[in-house]
Amino acid sequence: MDFFKRNLNLMAVLEKKSLFLFGPRQTGKSSFIKNQILDKNIALFWTLLDGRLRLKIVSDPGILRQEVEEKNLRDCVIVIDEIQKCPELLDEIHFLIEERNIRFLMTGSSARKLKKAGVNLLGGRATERHFHPFNFAEIGNHQNYNLPFIFEHGLLPSMFLSTNLDEDLAAYIDTYLTEEIAAEGAAKNIPAFSRFLTTAALTNAQLLNYSNIASDAQIPVQTVRQWYDILQSTLLGCQLEPFTKTKKRKAISTAKFYFFDIAIARALRDIPVPAEGTSEAGEYFEQLVFMELKAWIDYTRPRSKLTFWRSTSNMEVDFCVDEELAVEVKLTMNVTEKHLKGLKALREENIFKRYIVVCQEEHPRLVDGIEILPWKYFFAQLWGC
């Protein structure tokens, strides 16, 4: 598979402390480390995908300390790939951080198993970052970086580059159901969980209504809440909280939920690529902007918060970044006055610094202080490309 340079800088963090790098399967964490990290004076690299190594660790986690002491490693960086497969190692890692000033880069597709095992993620001795599918700064110049292709393939590296997409998507979803969900014991009723996934995908990018989803999936409301928590902890999706600081117009307090990738959400619904102008196309365009903003925040300003705003009178702005950006997403080539209503209503609160419509127009322009930006232009501005 072709390798694309990823734009997450971890070495600056690793110079000071250890790091957990969590990301969904096939986002490219292992390739990223092998192609961009291993040439940065990494003293040791263990991948727990190696079954033989994993068996040794389970029987004796102390072999990590033994190898470190045998090589007399100090004040260096060690990589442990897929740490959630052997949480027993974290006690040894804790010891080596304290005694030998070693920084660890630990990757995984889920923190759920670590937390379930009672691990405190090293009690503040390690920070946490999330890895995402491709973003504009990484593949914006690729010939297939266009809306129809992205709506079909999504931005997971393995799917974006796939030559057998339907089979690969089906295998990916099956892997999550059997390995990430069933193997962790997170959802014992796999058929019911599968129904829930389909129903959740049907409400992708919409306000969460647990009662309606429970009715459609034929499961209890409390189970729906638990399973949405599983989706987040296994990194299949993200709950987007509402922005509630407006005073002139009261904001709702209900969250939205977005799956982490467009093609995965589409495959769960088992629908074809949506045609231009359909509601599904608008939803996927909104999800694309969500994915870009989420990656940008996690990679460049992890303390920032991404929210959305909707008033009780149904005025809405799709995304808010801290109190700096208010972003409305419209899959149109001609932004008109009706597309600006939500932003103008929010602007009355005098909170945000910039008000932006992301769309398909060809050139950026300014209308009554609101920026009308082509989607690729907006992405390029985010990343400073």
Protein backbone atom coordinates (compact mmCIF):
# COMPACT_ATOMS: atom_id res chain seq x y z
CA MET A 1 0.00 0.00 0.00
CA ASP A 2 1.23 3.50 -0.77
CA PHE A 3 2.43 5.51 2.23
CA PHE A 4 1.27 9.09 2.69
CA LYS A 5 3.11 11.31 5.14
CA ARG A 6 0.86 11.97 8.13
CA ASN A 7 0.85 15.37 9.80
CA LEU A 8 0.76 14.46 13.49
CA ASN A 9 3.92 15.50 15.33
CA LEU A 10 4.47 13.23 18.32
CA MET A 11 8.18 13.67 18.93
CA ALA A 12 7.76 17.05 20.61
CA VAL A 13 5.50 15.37 23.18
CA LEU A 14 7.75 12.33 23.56
CA GLU A 15 10.71 14.52 24.43
CA LYS A 16 8.93 15.31 27.70
CA LYS A 17 6.63 12.43 28.63
CA SER A 18 5.05 9.17 27.56
CA LEU A 19 2.11 9.04 25.18
CA PHE A 20 -0.91 6.91 24.36
CA LEU A 21 -1.87 7.10 20.69
CA PHE A 22 -5.38 5.75 20.22
CA GLY A 23 -7.12 5.42 16.89
CA PRO A 24 -9.61 3.12 15.13
CA ARG A 25 -8.34 0.09 13.28
CA GLN A 26 -6.71 0.78 9.91
CA THR A 27 -6.25 4.50 10.45
CA GLY A 28 -2.57 3.77 9.84
CA LYS A 29 -1.03 4.00 13.31
CA SER A 30 1.49 1.18 12.76
CA SER A 31 2.48 2.46 9.30
CA PHE A 32 2.86 5.96 10.73
CA ILE A 33 5.21 4.73 13.42
CA LYS A 34 7.25 2.52 11.08
CA ASN A 35 7.61 5.22 8.41
CA GLN A 36 7.83 8.41 10.46
CA ILE A 37 8.77 7.52 14.04
CA LEU A 38 11.22 4.61 14.00
CA ASP A 39 14.00 6.74 12.51
CA LYS A 40 13.76 9.14 15.50
CA ASN A 41 16.15 7.32 17.86
CA ILE A 42 13.64 4.73 19.02
CA ALA A 43 15.46 2.36 21.37
CA LEU A 44 12.98 -0.55 21.22
CA PHE A 45 9.88 -1.46 19.21
CA TRP A 46 7.43 -4.14 20.31
CA THR A 47 4.27 -4.97 18.44
CA LEU A 48 1.74 -6.98 20.43
CA LEU A 49 0.22 -8.19 17.18
CA ASP A 50 3.06 -10.73 17.42
CA GLY A 51 1.30 -13.71 19.02
CA ARG A 52 4.47 -15.31 20.33
CA LEU A 53 5.59 -12.13 22.04
CA ARG A 54 2.11 -11.64 23.46
CA LEU A 55 2.10 -15.14 24.99
CA LYS A 56 5.46 -14.48 26.65
CA ILE A 57 4.21 -11.20 28.13
CA VAL A 58 1.03 -12.73 29.49
CA SER A 59 3.05 -15.37 31.34
CA ASP A 60 5.74 -12.90 32.47
CA PRO A 61 5.31 -9.12 31.92
CA GLY A 62 8.73 -8.66 33.49
CA ILE A 63 10.47 -9.61 30.25
CA LEU A 64 10.16 -5.95 29.18
CA ARG A 65 12.20 -4.82 32.18
CA GLN A 66 14.69 -7.61 31.60
CA GLU A 67 15.33 -6.53 27.99
CA VAL A 68 15.63 -2.87 29.00
CA GLU A 69 18.13 -3.72 31.73
CA GLU A 70 20.09 -6.09 29.47
CA LYS A 71 20.47 -3.28 26.91
CA ASN A 72 20.98 -0.70 29.69
CA LEU A 73 18.39 1.63 28.18
CA ARG A 74 17.82 4.99 29.85
CA ASP A 75 16.34 8.36 28.89
CA CYS A 76 15.05 7.05 25.56
CA VAL A 77 11.82 6.25 23.70
CA ILE A 78 10.26 2.78 23.47
CA VAL A 79 7.28 1.93 21.25
CA ILE A 80 4.64 -0.61 22.31
CA ASP A 81 2.18 -1.20 19.48
CA GLU A 82 -1.40 -2.36 20.37
CA ILE A 83 -0.96 -1.95 24.12
CA GLN A 84 -4.61 -2.88 24.83
CA LYS A 85 -3.76 -6.49 24.00
CA CYS A 86 -1.52 -6.75 27.08
CA PRO A 87 -2.57 -4.28 29.78
CA GLU A 88 -0.40 -6.34 32.16
CA LEU A 89 2.59 -4.46 30.73
CA LEU A 90 1.52 -1.13 32.18
CA ASP A 91 2.90 -1.86 35.64
CA GLU A 92 6.31 -2.54 34.11
CA ILE A 93 6.03 0.56 31.94
CA HIS A 94 5.17 2.61 35.03
CA PHE A 95 8.28 1.30 36.78
CA LEU A 96 10.56 2.05 33.82
CA ILE A 97 9.22 5.58 33.47
CA GLU A 98 10.03 6.26 37.11
CA GLU A 99 13.35 4.43 37.40
CA ARG A 100 14.95 4.97 33.99
CA ASN A 101 13.26 8.10 32.63
CA ILE A 102 12.06 6.17 29.59
CA ARG A 103 9.24 7.64 27.52
CA PHE A 104 6.82 5.18 25.98
CA LEU A 105 4.76 5.58 22.83
CA MET A 106 1.85 3.16 23.27
CA THR A 107 -0.66 2.69 20.47
CA GLY A 108 -4.07 1.04 20.57
CA SER A 109 -7.45 0.88 18.90
CA SER A 110 -9.31 1.28 22.19
CA ALA A 111 -8.75 2.43 25.74
CA ARG A 112 -11.77 0.43 26.87
CA LYS A 113 -9.94 -2.75 27.76
CA LEU A 114 -7.29 -0.82 29.68
CA LYS A 115 -9.86 1.09 31.71
CA LYS A 116 -11.99 -2.01 32.22
CA ALA A 117 -8.95 -3.78 33.67
CA GLY A 118 -8.69 -1.01 36.26
CA VAL A 119 -5.63 0.58 34.69
CA ASN A 120 -5.35 4.31 35.39
CA LEU A 121 -3.38 4.99 32.19
CA LEU A 122 -0.25 5.63 34.26
CA GLY A 123 -1.77 8.24 36.55
CA GLY A 124 -0.93 11.29 34.50
CA ARG A 125 2.55 10.12 33.54
CA ALA A 126 1.39 9.80 29.93
CA THR A 127 -0.66 12.12 27.78
CA GLU A 128 -3.16 10.97 25.16
CA ARG A 129 -3.60 11.71 21.47
CA HIS A 130 -6.06 10.36 18.89
CA PHE A 131 -5.20 9.24 15.37
CA HIS A 132 -7.66 9.85 12.55
CA PRO A 133 -8.33 8.81 8.96
CA PHE A 134 -6.68 10.87 6.22
CA ASN A 135 -7.17 14.64 6.26
CA PHE A 136 -6.75 17.37 3.67
CA ALA A 137 -3.21 18.27 4.71
CA GLU A 138 -2.16 14.67 4.02
CA ILE A 139 -3.94 13.81 0.77
CA GLY A 140 -5.60 17.00 -0.46
CA ASN A 141 -3.57 16.87 -3.66
CA HIS A 142 -4.48 13.26 -4.46
CA GLN A 143 -6.39 12.81 -7.73
CA ASN A 144 -9.25 11.05 -5.92
CA TYR A 145 -9.70 13.68 -3.25
CA ASN A 146 -13.17 14.77 -4.36
CA LEU A 147 -16.63 14.49 -2.84
CA PRO A 148 -18.04 11.57 -4.91
CA PHE A 149 -14.96 9.44 -4.21
CA ILE A 150 -14.83 10.37 -0.51
CA PHE A 151 -18.56 9.64 -0.11
CA GLU A 152 -17.91 6.19 -1.58
CA HIS A 153 -14.54 5.24 -0.06
CA GLY A 154 -14.33 7.39 3.03
CA LEU A 155 -10.90 8.43 4.33
CA LEU A 156 -9.58 5.35 6.12
CA PRO A 157 -6.27 4.67 4.32
CA SER A 158 -7.17 1.05 3.56
CA MET A 159 -10.56 2.04 2.10
CA PHE A 160 -9.42 5.18 0.28
CA LEU A 161 -6.85 3.06 -1.57
CA SER A 162 -8.99 -0.08 -1.85
CA THR A 163 -9.56 -1.82 -5.19
CA ASN A 164 -12.19 -4.13 -3.68
CA LEU A 165 -14.17 -1.69 -1.57
CA ASP A 166 -17.38 -3.59 -0.82
CA GLU A 167 -15.50 -6.65 0.40
CA ASP A 168 -13.06 -4.57 2.44
CA LEU A 169 -15.84 -2.56 4.09
CA ALA A 170 -17.76 -5.72 4.98
CA ALA A 171 -14.64 -7.29 6.46
CA TYR A 172 -13.87 -4.14 8.45
CA ILE A 173 -17.32 -4.00 10.03
CA ASP A 174 -17.21 -7.73 10.78
CA THR A 175 -13.80 -7.27 12.42
CA TYR A 176 -15.15 -4.60 14.72
CA LEU A 177 -18.16 -6.71 15.65
CA THR A 178 -16.17 -9.87 16.31
CA GLU A 179 -12.88 -8.51 17.66
CA GLU A 180 -13.42 -5.05 19.14
CA ILE A 181 -16.93 -5.63 20.47
CA ALA A 182 -17.43 -9.36 21.09
CA ALA A 183 -13.87 -10.22 22.13
CA GLU A 184 -13.86 -7.48 24.76
CA GLY A 185 -17.20 -8.69 26.06
CA ALA A 186 -18.60 -5.23 25.47
CA ALA A 187 -21.81 -6.43 23.85
CA LYS A 188 -22.75 -10.06 24.44
CA ASN A 189 -25.79 -10.01 22.14
CA ILE A 190 -24.11 -9.50 18.77
CA PRO A 191 -27.31 -9.72 16.64
CA ALA A 192 -28.95 -7.01 18.76
CA PHE A 193 -25.78 -4.93 18.67
CA SER A 194 -25.70 -5.27 14.88
CA ARG A 195 -29.29 -3.94 14.70
CA PHE A 196 -28.27 -1.09 16.97
CA LEU A 197 -25.31 -0.21 14.72
CA THR A 198 -27.57 0.01 11.68
CA THR A 199 -30.06 2.20 13.53
CA ALA A 200 -27.28 4.41 14.90
CA ALA A 201 -25.91 4.83 11.37
CA LEU A 202 -29.35 5.92 10.18
CA THR A 203 -29.23 8.75 12.73
CA ASN A 204 -25.62 9.71 11.97
CA ALA A 205 -25.07 13.49 12.35
CA GLN A 206 -28.50 13.91 13.99
CA LEU A 207 -29.59 14.73 17.51
CA LEU A 208 -29.46 11.72 19.80
CA ASN A 209 -32.87 10.35 20.72
CA TYR A 210 -32.27 7.25 22.81
CA SER A 211 -35.94 6.34 23.06
CA ASN A 212 -36.51 6.34 19.30
CA ILE A 213 -33.32 4.38 18.67
CA ALA A 214 -34.26 1.84 21.35
CA SER A 215 -37.67 1.38 19.72
CA ASP A 216 -36.22 0.96 16.22
CA ALA A 217 -33.47 -1.43 17.37
CA GLN A 218 -35.80 -3.33 19.72
CA ILE A 219 -33.57 -2.96 22.75
CA PRO A 220 -33.94 -1.17 26.14
CA VAL A 221 -33.11 2.52 26.38
CA GLN A 222 -30.44 1.87 29.00
CA THR A 223 -28.76 -0.58 26.64
CA VAL A 224 -28.77 2.05 23.90
CA ARG A 225 -26.96 4.47 26.22
CA GLN A 226 -24.39 1.80 27.14
CA TRP A 227 -23.80 0.88 23.51
CA TYR A 228 -23.27 4.47 22.45
CA ASP A 229 -20.63 4.60 25.16
CA ILE A 230 -19.07 1.49 23.59
CA LEU A 231 -19.02 3.17 20.17
CA GLN A 232 -17.10 6.07 21.66
CA SER A 233 -14.68 4.01 23.75
CA THR A 234 -13.90 1.73 20.77
CA LEU A 235 -13.50 4.88 18.65
CA LEU A 236 -16.23 4.03 16.16
CA GLY A 237 -17.82 7.40 16.73
CA CYS A 238 -17.89 10.62 18.68
CA GLN A 239 -20.58 12.44 20.60
CA LEU A 240 -20.72 16.16 19.79
CA GLU A 241 -21.92 18.26 22.69
CA PRO A 242 -24.01 21.43 22.20
CA PHE A 243 -22.72 24.96 22.74
CA THR A 244 -24.91 26.37 25.51
CA LYS A 245 -23.49 29.81 26.35
CA THR A 246 -25.99 31.82 24.31
CA LYS A 247 -28.29 34.14 26.29
CA LYS A 248 -30.61 35.80 23.77
CA ARG A 249 -31.65 32.47 22.30
CA LYS A 250 -31.77 29.52 24.65
CA ALA A 251 -29.77 26.54 23.39
CA ILE A 252 -30.82 22.92 23.48
CA SER A 253 -28.81 20.49 25.61
CA THR A 254 -29.09 17.37 23.42
CA ALA A 255 -25.92 16.01 21.80
CA LYS A 256 -25.30 14.72 18.28
CA PHE A 257 -23.36 11.63 17.26
CA TYR A 258 -21.02 11.19 14.29
CA PHE A 259 -19.38 8.00 13.10
CA PHE A 260 -15.65 8.37 12.63
CA ASP A 261 -15.70 7.76 8.87
CA ILE A 262 -18.18 8.34 6.04
CA ALA A 263 -17.79 5.00 4.28
CA ILE A 264 -18.20 3.07 7.53
CA ALA A 265 -21.46 4.91 8.28
CA ARG A 266 -22.65 4.27 4.71
CA ALA A 267 -21.74 0.57 4.84
CA LEU A 268 -23.59 0.13 8.14
CA ARG A 269 -26.70 1.52 6.43
CA ASP A 270 -26.01 -0.61 3.34
CA ILE A 271 -26.84 2.19 0.92
CA PRO A 272 -25.18 3.29 -2.34
CA VAL A 273 -23.23 6.51 -2.74
CA PRO A 274 -25.78 9.33 -2.43
CA ALA A 275 -26.56 11.48 -5.45
CA GLU A 276 -25.83 15.20 -5.51
CA GLY A 277 -28.63 17.19 -3.90
CA THR A 278 -29.95 14.40 -1.67
CA SER A 279 -30.24 14.71 2.09
CA GLU A 280 -27.71 11.89 2.48
CA ALA A 281 -25.16 13.82 0.39
CA GLY A 282 -25.65 16.84 2.63
CA GLU A 283 -25.20 14.66 5.71
CA TYR A 284 -21.96 13.17 4.42
CA PHE A 285 -20.63 16.61 3.48
CA GLU A 286 -21.34 17.75 7.04
CA GLN A 287 -19.63 14.61 8.37
CA LEU A 288 -16.58 15.32 6.19
CA VAL A 289 -16.25 18.79 7.72
CA PHE A 290 -16.70 17.27 11.18
CA MET A 291 -13.91 14.75 10.50
CA GLU A 292 -11.59 17.51 9.29
CA LEU A 293 -12.25 19.76 12.27
CA LYS A 294 -11.87 16.88 14.73
CA ALA A 295 -8.52 15.82 13.25
CA TRP A 296 -7.28 19.42 13.12
CA ILE A 297 -8.16 19.98 16.77
CA ASP A 298 -6.68 16.67 17.98
CA TYR A 299 -3.46 17.18 15.99
CA THR A 300 -2.80 20.89 16.48
CA ARG A 301 -4.78 22.18 19.48
CA PRO A 302 -5.93 19.26 21.65
CA ARG A 303 -7.25 21.49 24.42
CA SER A 304 -9.81 23.10 22.12
CA LYS A 305 -13.43 21.98 22.14
CA LEU A 306 -15.66 21.21 19.17
CA THR A 307 -19.40 21.76 19.68
CA PHE A 308 -22.53 22.70 17.71
CA TRP A 309 -25.30 25.20 18.42
CA ARG A 310 -29.04 24.86 18.09
CA SER A 311 -31.63 27.09 19.72
CA THR A 312 -34.93 25.88 21.08
CA SER A 313 -36.51 27.65 18.07
CA ASN A 314 -34.37 25.44 15.74
CA MET A 315 -31.85 28.03 14.61
CA GLU A 316 -28.63 26.04 14.11
CA VAL A 317 -24.93 26.31 13.37
CA ASP A 318 -23.23 23.01 12.59
CA PHE A 319 -19.89 23.47 14.36
CA CYS A 320 -18.27 25.77 16.90
CA VAL A 321 -14.58 25.71 17.83
CA ASP A 322 -14.09 27.20 21.29
CA GLU A 323 -15.38 30.76 20.93
CA GLU A 324 -13.38 31.40 17.79
CA LEU A 325 -15.09 29.74 14.82
CA ALA A 326 -18.77 29.29 14.03
CA VAL A 327 -19.09 27.08 10.95
CA GLU A 328 -22.20 26.30 8.91
CA VAL A 329 -21.97 23.53 6.26
CA LYS A 330 -24.01 23.76 3.06
CA LEU A 331 -23.67 21.40 0.10
CA THR A 332 -24.49 24.11 -2.43
CA MET A 333 -22.68 25.94 -5.20
CA ASN A 334 -24.64 29.13 -4.53
CA VAL A 335 -24.91 30.35 -0.94
CA THR A 336 -27.92 32.65 -0.50
CA GLU A 337 -29.46 34.63 2.34
CA LYS A 338 -31.44 31.63 3.60
CA HIS A 339 -28.20 29.74 4.27
CA LEU A 340 -26.99 32.50 6.63
CA LYS A 341 -29.89 32.55 9.09
CA GLY A 342 -28.28 30.36 11.75
CA LEU A 343 -24.97 32.22 11.67
CA LYS A 344 -26.69 35.61 11.84
CA ALA A 345 -28.77 34.49 14.80
CA LEU A 346 -25.67 33.25 16.63
CA ARG A 347 -23.76 36.41 15.73
CA GLU A 348 -26.29 38.43 17.74
CA GLU A 349 -24.71 36.88 20.84
CA ASN A 350 -21.38 38.55 19.98
CA ILE A 351 -19.36 35.50 21.05
CA PHE A 352 -17.37 34.17 18.09
CA LYS A 353 -14.53 35.81 16.18
CA ARG A 354 -15.32 34.34 12.75
CA TYR A 355 -18.51 33.19 11.07
CA ILE A 356 -18.06 30.84 8.11
CA VAL A 357 -20.14 28.97 5.55
CA VAL A 358 -18.33 25.96 4.07
CA CYS A 359 -19.77 25.13 0.66
CA GLN A 360 -19.04 24.19 -2.97
CA GLU A 361 -18.70 27.69 -4.36
CA GLU A 362 -15.59 28.18 -6.48
CA HIS A 363 -14.16 31.30 -4.84
CA PRO A 364 -14.13 32.74 -1.31
CA ARG A 365 -16.19 35.85 -0.66
CA LEU A 366 -17.51 37.96 2.20
CA VAL A 367 -21.21 38.69 2.77
CA ASP A 368 -22.18 40.99 5.63
CA GLY A 369 -19.16 39.89 7.65
CA ILE A 370 -19.78 36.18 7.03
CA GLU A 371 -17.09 34.29 5.11
CA ILE A 372 -18.30 32.09 2.25
CA LEU A 373 -15.51 29.56 1.72
CA PRO A 374 -15.06 26.67 -0.75
CA TRP A 375 -14.57 23.50 1.26
CA LYS A 376 -11.02 22.77 0.10
CA TYR A 377 -10.07 26.41 0.66
CA PHE A 378 -11.43 26.19 4.22
CA PHE A 379 -9.51 22.96 4.89
CA ALA A 380 -6.33 24.52 3.55
CA GLN A 381 -6.82 27.51 5.87
CA LEU A 382 -7.22 25.19 8.86
CA TRP A 383 -3.96 23.40 8.24
CA GLY A 384 -2.03 26.39 6.90
CA CYS A 385 -1.42 24.63 3.58
